[in-house]
Amino acid sequence: MNRAVRPQTITEKIIARHAGERCVEPGQFVMAKVDLALSNDVTSPLAIKQLENICAPGAPRVWNRSRIAVVLDHFTPNKDIASAEQNRYTRRFAREQKIRHFFDGCRVGIEHALLPEQGLVGTGDVVIGADSHTCTYGALGAFSTGVGSTDLAAVWATGTVWLKVPAAIKFVYHGKRRPHVYGKDLILETIRRIGVDGANYRTIELTGDAIKDLSMAGRFTMANMAIECGAKNGIIEPDAVTLDYVRARTTLPFEPVLGDSTARVEAEWRYDVGRLEPCVAEPHVPSRYALARERRDVRVDQVYIGSCTGGKLGDFLAAARILKGRQVRVRTCLVPATSTVAEGLLREKWDGVSLVEIFAAAGCEPIAPPSCAACLGGPEDTYGRTRGREVVVSTTNRNFPGRMGSKEARIYLASPLTAAATAVAGHIEDPREYL
C-alpha cells in the first residue's frame, strides 16, 4: 500500500525503497528485497538445514549465489571436533551452491570487517545477517540487522526479508573530540546513558559534527555496538568519508540515501564529546561504565586487542602510539580482523617503524591469524579456563560471563588506546598518561 509521503528517516527511506513503497511508518510490516545476506561458521549449519526444509527434497537452491556471503571466522582454527564438523558441513554447502563470496583459509577474516573491506556492502543497501553485530554496516549508510538462522534460510530462499519498520532515536555528538577519546568511548557512554535495553527494536541514528570527525574505523565500532543497547540497527548518514571508502572498494553502482531533517524521531540525545574521557565497561555488561582513571586499582592479567571493534588497522595504529618504545607488563594478544589488516601491520609505520616491529619490541604475543578468536571463546586466546578469575581488558564488543572463555573471567571493555595503556601499566590506565 502506498502512503502519503512525509519526512522520512534514513532507515525508513532505505526500507521503503526496498519494499516498493513511497513511504513507511514505524510499526508497519513490509517485505523488503535484500542486497546481501551473510552468515558464519556458527550460524550457517542451522540455516542450511532450514533451507533444506523450505526447498524441494534434495534440491535446496539459494536465490542468488552472488548476494550471499559465508565467512568461516568464529573458530579459525577450529577449537574442537564439533567446530571442525560445522565448518566441513558449511564448506560443502558453499561448494554445492557455488556461493561466490565464500571466505575460508587464507581469505578469512572477521565478517564485519571483511565484507566492507571487500566492497560487498554499498551505501543504501539492505543487509541481513545471522549474527547480531550485522548492524556494523550501518556505518556505511546501509540498513543492516541481525536475524536468527531460520530467518536467514528464508532470505536465502527468497531474497526478501519480513521487517517491522523501527522507530528512530537520534544521538547527536557535538563538540571537538580530544585525541585520547576513541569511537569506543563514545558508544560506551551512549550505552551507559540509555542502558542495554534502552533502544529495543529502534533505529539509533548517530550524527553530529563529532561523528563526521571520526574515521571509518571509529564509525564501524559505534554502529557495531548499536545492538548492545537493544537497537534493531545503528546508522550513520553517508558523507564524503563514507563515499570515499566505498568507491575505493567497489565498482558496483550504489545510491546514497539521506534522511529528512524534519523526520519524526522518538527521542533525541545530545552529547558534548569535548567533555568525554577514556572509559571502560566493567563486568559483565557493556552498560557498566567507569572512567579509566578511576579504575587504576584494577590489576589485569591479560590484554586483548582485536575483534570487529578493535582489530582494524586504525585500531592497531592507535595502540602503536602508546606501545612504541615501551614494554608491556602483562600478556598482550593482537588479532587482526582480516588478512589485509595483517598485511598492513607489516606495511604501516609509526615514526618509521612498522607496527609489527613496534608490537614485538614491546613484548606483545606474536600476531595471531585473522579471526574472531577470543571474542567468542576461540581456541588459543580463550581466557580464564585454567587460571580462574582472570581479569582481562579487551577491545571486543561484549563482556558477558563466559563470552571469552571461563564464566569466572572478568572482562573490561575498552578502546585500543586504553587497552594499550593498560598493557604497559599492568592495571587499568588512562591513555593520557602515555600520550
Foldseek 3Di string as FASTA:
>chain_A
DEDDDDFFALLQVLQCVQQVYNGDDFQDKGKGFAQAEEEELVQQVVLVVLQCVVDDHPDRAFPDLARYAYAHFAAVVNQDPVSVVSVVVVVVVCVVRVRPHYADDQFHFFCLVNCLQQLSDAASGEYEYQDQLQLLCLLLNYHYGYDHSNQSSVCRHPSIHIDRRAFEEEEEEEADADPLDALLLVLLVVCLVQPQQNAAAHEYEYYYPRSVVHASLSSSLNQSLPCSNNYRHYHYQDDPRSVVSSVVNDPDDDDGTHGDPPHDHPYYHYHHNVPTFFWKAWPAGSNNIDHLAVFQVAFAAEEEAEDSNGQALVNLVLLLLQQAPFAFPHAYAHAHRGVVSVVQQQVDDDPRHRSQVSCVVNPYDHYDYHHRAQQQQYRPQAPQPPPFAGEYEYQHNGRHQCRRHHSNYIYMHGGSLQRSVCRRSSTRDGSVVRD
